[in-house]
Amino acid sequence: MARLAQKGKGKKVRFKGGTLFPAVVVGVAVIGAALIVYSRASIPDRNVPPTVNDHWHASYAFYGCNEWLPDLQGNKEELDTTGNFLNDTFRRTGIHSHDDGVMHWHPYTSAATGRNAKLGVFLDVYGVEVSDTKIVFPDDQGGAVYEEGETKCLDESGKSVDGEVVVYAYNSFDNADDFSTYITNFDDIRLKQDAMAFSIVFAPAGVNPGLPPSAADLPRLGAADSGAPATTTAPGDSAPPAESSVPVDSTGAPVTEAPTTVAGPTTTGG
C-alpha cells in the first residue's frame, strides 16, 4: 500500500470522458444549495406570525434632537375615483396608522407577514426615509431632514453637537428596560410580536428618550381599532354598565312597546 501511495503522488485523477460531467454535477449542487438558502431567507413562512389573520398594534414615535416629533398623518386608506387605493404600498400590505402614533399591522398579503413584517414596510407607506445617516420626511409629513454632520443638536450642557440615527425596539409597550438598539439596517427591524414599541431617534450619541408617548395608551388605541369598546378603565376597575336596549317607562320598568316619539328639531354635525 505504501508503494502504491508513493507511485500515486503528483498524479491527477482523470474521469473517463473528460471533466465536463463532474463539473456540471458540482455546479448543479452548488446552485441548488444556494437556491435553498435564498428561498428560506426570502419567502416568509405562512405560519410565522404575523399572518394575514393577525391584527397587531405597535407604538412608534420619531424623536428629533430633544423633543418628540408629530405623529405621521393620514391613514393611507383613501380610494381614487375608480375605487382603488391611492397608496401602492398600503394596497400591497395593508399597514397604516390613524394619526395616533400606532402602527396598525393587519397584513393583506405575504408582503407584510412573517419575516417580511419589518419596520421598513411601515416607513414606505408614509414615504419616510430612515438610513444610517439621516431621517427624511416627505413634504406631506412636514419635509424635515435630520442628517448626521449637518443637523446640530444641543447636549445636556447646551453645547451644539452632531446627532446620530438610532432605533430602539422595545419588546413590550410597557417595559422600558427590555429593548434592542439598532444603528444600521433600520428597514429590516422585525415586528416579532404584538404590542411592541419603536423609538426612531436622531439625537446626540447615547441619548435614549425612552418609550414613545403613545405607548402608555396602546391598549386603548388597539382595542378601538379592533372594534372593541375604547375605554380608559384602569386594570382592576369596574367598567361602566352598558346601556340597555330594552325600552323602559318612567319608573324604570320594561315596556313591551317602544314609546311614541315626538319629532323635534334636527341638528347637523356631531
Protein backbone atom coordinates (compact mmCIF):
# COMPACT_ATOMS: atom_id res chain seq x y z
CA MET A 1 0.00 0.00 0.00
CA ALA A 2 2.90 2.31 0.78
CA ARG A 3 4.40 1.66 -2.61
CA LEU A 4 1.06 2.32 -4.34
CA ALA A 5 0.65 5.56 -2.45
CA GLN A 6 4.17 6.59 -3.40
CA LYS A 7 3.52 5.89 -7.06
CA GLY A 8 0.31 7.92 -6.95
CA LYS A 9 1.93 11.11 -5.67
CA GLY A 10 1.52 14.05 -8.01
CA LYS A 11 -0.82 12.23 -10.37
CA LYS A 12 -4.22 13.70 -11.21
CA VAL A 13 -7.39 11.67 -11.11
CA ARG A 14 -8.92 11.56 -14.57
CA PHE A 15 -12.53 10.71 -15.34
CA LYS A 16 -13.31 8.72 -18.39
CA GLY A 17 -14.81 11.05 -20.95
CA GLY A 18 -13.17 14.20 -19.50
CA THR A 19 -14.03 16.57 -16.65
CA LEU A 20 -17.12 18.23 -18.11
CA PHE A 21 -19.65 15.91 -16.48
CA PRO A 22 -18.19 16.14 -12.94
CA ALA A 23 -18.00 19.91 -13.30
CA VAL A 24 -21.67 20.08 -14.27
CA VAL A 25 -22.65 17.90 -11.30
CA VAL A 26 -20.71 20.10 -8.89
CA GLY A 27 -22.18 23.25 -10.44
CA VAL A 28 -25.74 21.96 -10.13
CA ALA A 29 -25.15 21.02 -6.50
CA VAL A 30 -23.78 24.48 -5.66
CA ILE A 31 -26.64 26.28 -7.41
CA GLY A 32 -29.22 24.03 -5.72
CA ALA A 33 -27.79 24.74 -2.27
CA ALA A 34 -27.76 28.47 -2.99
CA LEU A 35 -31.40 28.41 -4.09
CA ILE A 36 -32.43 26.57 -0.93
CA VAL A 37 -30.68 29.16 1.26
CA TYR A 38 -32.22 32.03 -0.72
CA SER A 39 -35.73 30.64 -0.60
CA ARG A 40 -35.58 30.08 3.15
CA ALA A 41 -34.39 33.63 3.69
CA SER A 42 -36.73 35.42 1.28
CA ILE A 43 -40.02 33.51 1.33
CA PRO A 44 -41.93 34.04 4.58
CA ASP A 45 -43.33 31.04 6.39
CA ARG A 46 -47.11 31.40 6.33
CA ASN A 47 -47.25 30.02 9.85
CA VAL A 48 -44.83 32.61 11.25
CA PRO A 49 -46.77 35.50 12.81
CA PRO A 50 -47.96 37.97 11.96
CA THR A 51 -50.15 36.23 9.41
CA VAL A 52 -52.97 37.68 7.32
CA ASN A 53 -55.29 36.63 10.14
CA ASP A 54 -53.43 38.63 12.81
CA HIS A 55 -54.28 42.15 13.94
CA TRP A 56 -51.27 43.64 15.70
CA HIS A 57 -50.51 47.12 17.00
CA ALA A 58 -47.16 48.70 17.80
CA SER A 59 -46.41 52.09 19.31
CA TYR A 60 -43.95 54.30 17.44
CA ALA A 61 -42.59 57.84 17.50
CA PHE A 62 -39.82 59.95 15.96
CA TYR A 63 -37.52 61.94 18.21
CA GLY A 64 -35.56 64.91 16.86
CA CYS A 65 -32.64 66.23 18.93
CA ASN A 66 -34.53 66.98 22.16
CA GLU A 67 -38.26 66.51 21.51
CA TRP A 68 -40.83 64.07 20.22
CA LEU A 69 -41.96 64.91 16.71
CA PRO A 70 -45.60 64.92 15.49
CA ASP A 71 -47.14 61.57 14.58
CA LEU A 72 -47.35 60.69 10.91
CA GLN A 73 -50.61 61.89 9.41
CA GLY A 74 -53.03 60.10 7.09
CA ASN A 75 -54.36 56.55 7.33
CA LYS A 76 -53.41 55.88 3.68
CA GLU A 77 -56.67 54.04 3.07
CA GLU A 78 -58.01 56.65 0.65
CA LEU A 79 -59.56 55.47 -2.62
CA ASP A 80 -59.44 57.09 -6.04
CA THR A 81 -62.48 57.63 -8.25
CA THR A 82 -62.25 54.08 -9.56
CA GLY A 83 -62.27 52.52 -6.10
CA ASN A 84 -58.55 51.68 -5.98
CA PHE A 85 -56.22 52.59 -3.12
CA LEU A 86 -54.15 55.68 -3.81
CA ASN A 87 -51.16 54.39 -1.85
CA ASP A 88 -49.49 51.45 -3.61
CA THR A 89 -47.58 50.23 -0.56
CA PHE A 90 -50.73 50.20 1.55
CA ARG A 91 -52.55 48.35 -1.24
CA ARG A 92 -49.89 45.62 -1.16
CA THR A 93 -49.51 45.39 2.61
CA GLY A 94 -52.48 46.88 4.50
CA ILE A 95 -50.13 48.52 7.01
CA HIS A 96 -51.04 52.03 8.17
CA SER A 97 -51.66 54.38 11.09
CA HIS A 98 -54.57 56.56 12.27
CA ASP A 99 -52.72 59.76 13.23
CA ASP A 100 -52.31 58.16 16.66
CA GLY A 101 -48.66 57.10 16.93
CA VAL A 102 -49.59 53.46 16.38
CA MET A 103 -48.69 51.05 13.59
CA HIS A 104 -51.83 49.14 12.67
CA TRP A 105 -50.48 45.82 11.44
CA HIS A 106 -53.13 43.61 9.85
CA PRO A 107 -51.46 42.40 6.65
CA TYR A 108 -53.25 41.90 3.37
CA THR A 109 -50.54 39.75 1.77
CA SER A 110 -47.26 37.99 2.50
CA ALA A 111 -45.51 41.28 1.71
CA ALA A 112 -46.02 42.16 5.40
CA THR A 113 -46.29 38.77 7.13
CA GLY A 114 -43.77 36.50 8.86
CA ARG A 115 -40.19 37.56 8.22
CA ASN A 116 -41.45 40.36 5.96
CA ALA A 117 -43.07 42.16 8.90
CA LYS A 118 -40.43 44.86 9.09
CA LEU A 119 -40.23 48.50 10.10
CA GLY A 120 -39.37 49.42 6.51
CA VAL A 121 -42.84 48.36 5.34
CA PHE A 122 -44.48 50.95 7.58
CA LEU A 123 -41.94 53.64 6.65
CA ASP A 124 -42.53 53.02 2.93
CA VAL A 125 -46.28 53.54 3.33
CA TYR A 126 -45.58 57.09 4.53
CA GLY A 127 -42.55 57.76 2.35
CA VAL A 128 -40.20 58.28 5.30
CA GLU A 129 -36.51 57.51 4.77
CA VAL A 130 -34.52 56.26 7.77
CA SER A 131 -30.97 55.46 6.69
CA ASP A 132 -27.69 55.01 8.53
CA THR A 133 -27.05 58.76 8.42
CA LYS A 134 -30.37 60.60 8.21
CA ILE A 135 -34.12 60.74 8.68
CA VAL A 136 -36.03 62.39 5.84
CA PHE A 137 -39.76 63.17 6.00
CA PRO A 138 -41.72 63.70 2.77
CA ASP A 139 -43.40 67.03 2.08
CA ASP A 140 -46.80 65.81 3.23
CA GLN A 141 -45.27 64.98 6.63
CA GLY A 142 -43.53 68.33 7.08
CA GLY A 143 -40.43 67.73 4.96
CA ALA A 144 -37.95 67.92 7.85
CA VAL A 145 -34.48 66.40 7.43
CA TYR A 146 -32.23 65.24 10.27
CA GLU A 147 -28.79 64.37 8.91
CA GLU A 148 -25.55 63.40 10.60
CA GLY A 149 -22.89 66.04 10.08
CA GLU A 150 -25.49 68.62 9.02
CA THR A 151 -28.15 68.83 11.72
CA LYS A 152 -26.89 70.09 15.08
CA CYS A 153 -28.47 69.27 18.44
CA LEU A 154 -27.90 70.66 21.92
CA ASP A 155 -26.39 68.36 24.50
CA GLU A 156 -27.12 68.49 28.24
CA SER A 157 -24.70 71.36 28.71
CA GLY A 158 -26.29 73.40 25.91
CA LYS A 159 -23.41 72.83 23.50
CA SER A 160 -24.19 72.35 19.80
CA VAL A 161 -23.17 68.82 18.79
CA ASP A 162 -23.78 66.32 15.99
CA GLY A 163 -26.67 63.91 16.17
CA GLU A 164 -26.88 60.30 15.06
CA VAL A 165 -29.64 57.95 13.94
CA VAL A 166 -30.62 55.14 16.33
CA VAL A 167 -33.71 52.97 16.64
CA TYR A 168 -34.75 51.48 19.98
CA ALA A 169 -37.07 48.49 19.57
CA TYR A 170 -38.96 47.60 22.77
CA ASN A 171 -40.33 44.09 23.08
CA SER A 172 -43.32 45.38 25.04
CA PHE A 173 -45.08 48.76 25.17
CA ASP A 174 -44.98 48.73 28.99
CA ASN A 175 -41.37 47.75 29.65
CA ALA A 176 -38.76 50.46 29.08
CA ASP A 177 -35.93 48.14 30.15
CA ASP A 178 -36.41 45.39 27.56
CA PHE A 179 -35.18 46.74 24.23
CA SER A 180 -32.70 46.27 21.40
CA THR A 181 -30.58 49.08 19.96
CA TYR A 182 -30.09 49.35 16.19
CA ILE A 183 -27.57 51.63 14.48
CA THR A 184 -27.96 50.32 10.91
CA ASN A 185 -30.30 48.36 8.60
CA PHE A 186 -33.34 50.04 10.14
CA ASP A 187 -35.72 48.90 7.40
CA ASP A 188 -35.03 45.28 8.36
CA ILE A 189 -36.04 45.62 12.03
CA ARG A 190 -38.75 43.00 12.56
CA LEU A 191 -42.06 43.15 14.34
CA LYS A 192 -41.82 39.84 16.17
CA GLN A 193 -44.90 40.12 18.35
CA ASP A 194 -47.93 42.22 19.12
CA ALA A 195 -47.70 45.35 21.32
CA MET A 196 -44.08 46.27 20.64
CA ALA A 197 -42.81 49.86 20.61
CA PHE A 198 -40.27 51.69 18.44
CA SER A 199 -38.45 54.95 19.13
CA ILE A 200 -36.81 56.28 15.96
CA VAL A 201 -34.25 58.76 17.20
CA PHE A 202 -31.93 61.46 15.88
CA ALA A 203 -30.06 62.83 18.88
CA PRO A 204 -26.58 63.23 20.38
CA ALA A 205 -24.74 59.95 20.94
CA GLY A 206 -26.06 57.96 23.88
CA VAL A 207 -29.43 59.70 24.15
CA ASN A 208 -32.35 57.33 24.64
CA PRO A 209 -35.63 59.22 25.13
CA GLY A 210 -37.45 56.05 26.21
CA LEU A 211 -40.78 54.63 25.12
CA PRO A 212 -42.85 56.56 22.55
CA PRO A 213 -45.58 58.78 24.03
CA SER A 214 -48.34 56.62 22.50
CA ALA A 215 -47.08 53.52 24.33
CA ALA A 216 -48.99 54.40 27.51
CA ASP A 217 -52.24 54.44 25.51
CA LEU A 218 -51.57 51.48 23.22
CA PRO A 219 -54.11 49.04 24.77
CA ARG A 220 -56.96 51.53 24.39
CA LEU A 221 -55.98 52.55 20.86
CA GLY A 222 -55.58 48.95 19.78
CA ALA A 223 -58.93 47.93 21.24
CA ALA A 224 -60.69 50.78 19.45
CA ASP A 225 -59.16 49.83 16.11
CA SER A 226 -60.11 46.19 16.61
CA GLY A 227 -63.78 47.06 17.07
CA ALA A 228 -63.80 46.62 20.86
CA PRO A 229 -65.07 49.50 23.03
CA ALA A 230 -62.36 52.07 23.69
CA THR A 231 -62.42 52.72 27.43
CA THR A 232 -59.92 54.24 29.77
CA THR A 233 -60.82 51.89 32.63
CA ALA A 234 -57.72 51.07 34.63
CA PRO A 235 -56.89 47.43 35.37
CA GLY A 236 -58.92 46.24 38.34
CA ASP A 237 -61.58 48.93 37.99
CA SER A 238 -65.13 48.09 37.04
CA ALA A 239 -66.23 49.17 33.60
CA PRO A 240 -69.41 51.25 33.44
CA PRO A 241 -72.51 49.17 32.68
CA ALA A 242 -73.60 49.08 29.08
CA GLU A 243 -76.75 50.98 28.20
CA SER A 244 -79.81 48.74 27.92
CA SER A 245 -81.53 48.49 24.56
CA VAL A 246 -84.83 47.48 26.23
CA PRO A 247 -87.28 50.43 26.48
CA VAL A 248 -88.46 51.34 29.98
CA ASP A 249 -91.20 53.57 31.37
CA SER A 250 -90.82 56.48 33.79
CA THR A 251 -90.47 54.09 36.72
CA GLY A 252 -87.71 52.12 35.06
CA ALA A 253 -89.88 49.09 34.38
CA PRO A 254 -89.54 47.46 30.95
CA VAL A 255 -92.36 48.03 28.47
CA THR A 256 -93.41 45.78 25.64
CA GLU A 257 -93.64 48.55 23.05
CA ALA A 258 -91.33 51.43 22.43
CA PRO A 259 -92.79 54.81 23.50
CA THR A 260 -94.08 57.13 20.84
CA THR A 261 -91.53 59.75 19.96
CA VAL A 262 -92.25 63.35 19.11
CA ALA A 263 -90.27 64.83 16.27
CA GLY A 264 -88.02 67.65 17.34
CA PRO A 265 -85.56 69.97 15.66
CA THR A 266 -82.81 68.24 13.72
CA THR A 267 -79.19 69.13 14.13
CA THR A 268 -76.23 68.71 11.87
CA GLY A 269 -72.70 67.87 12.78
CA GLY A 270 -71.64 65.64 15.63
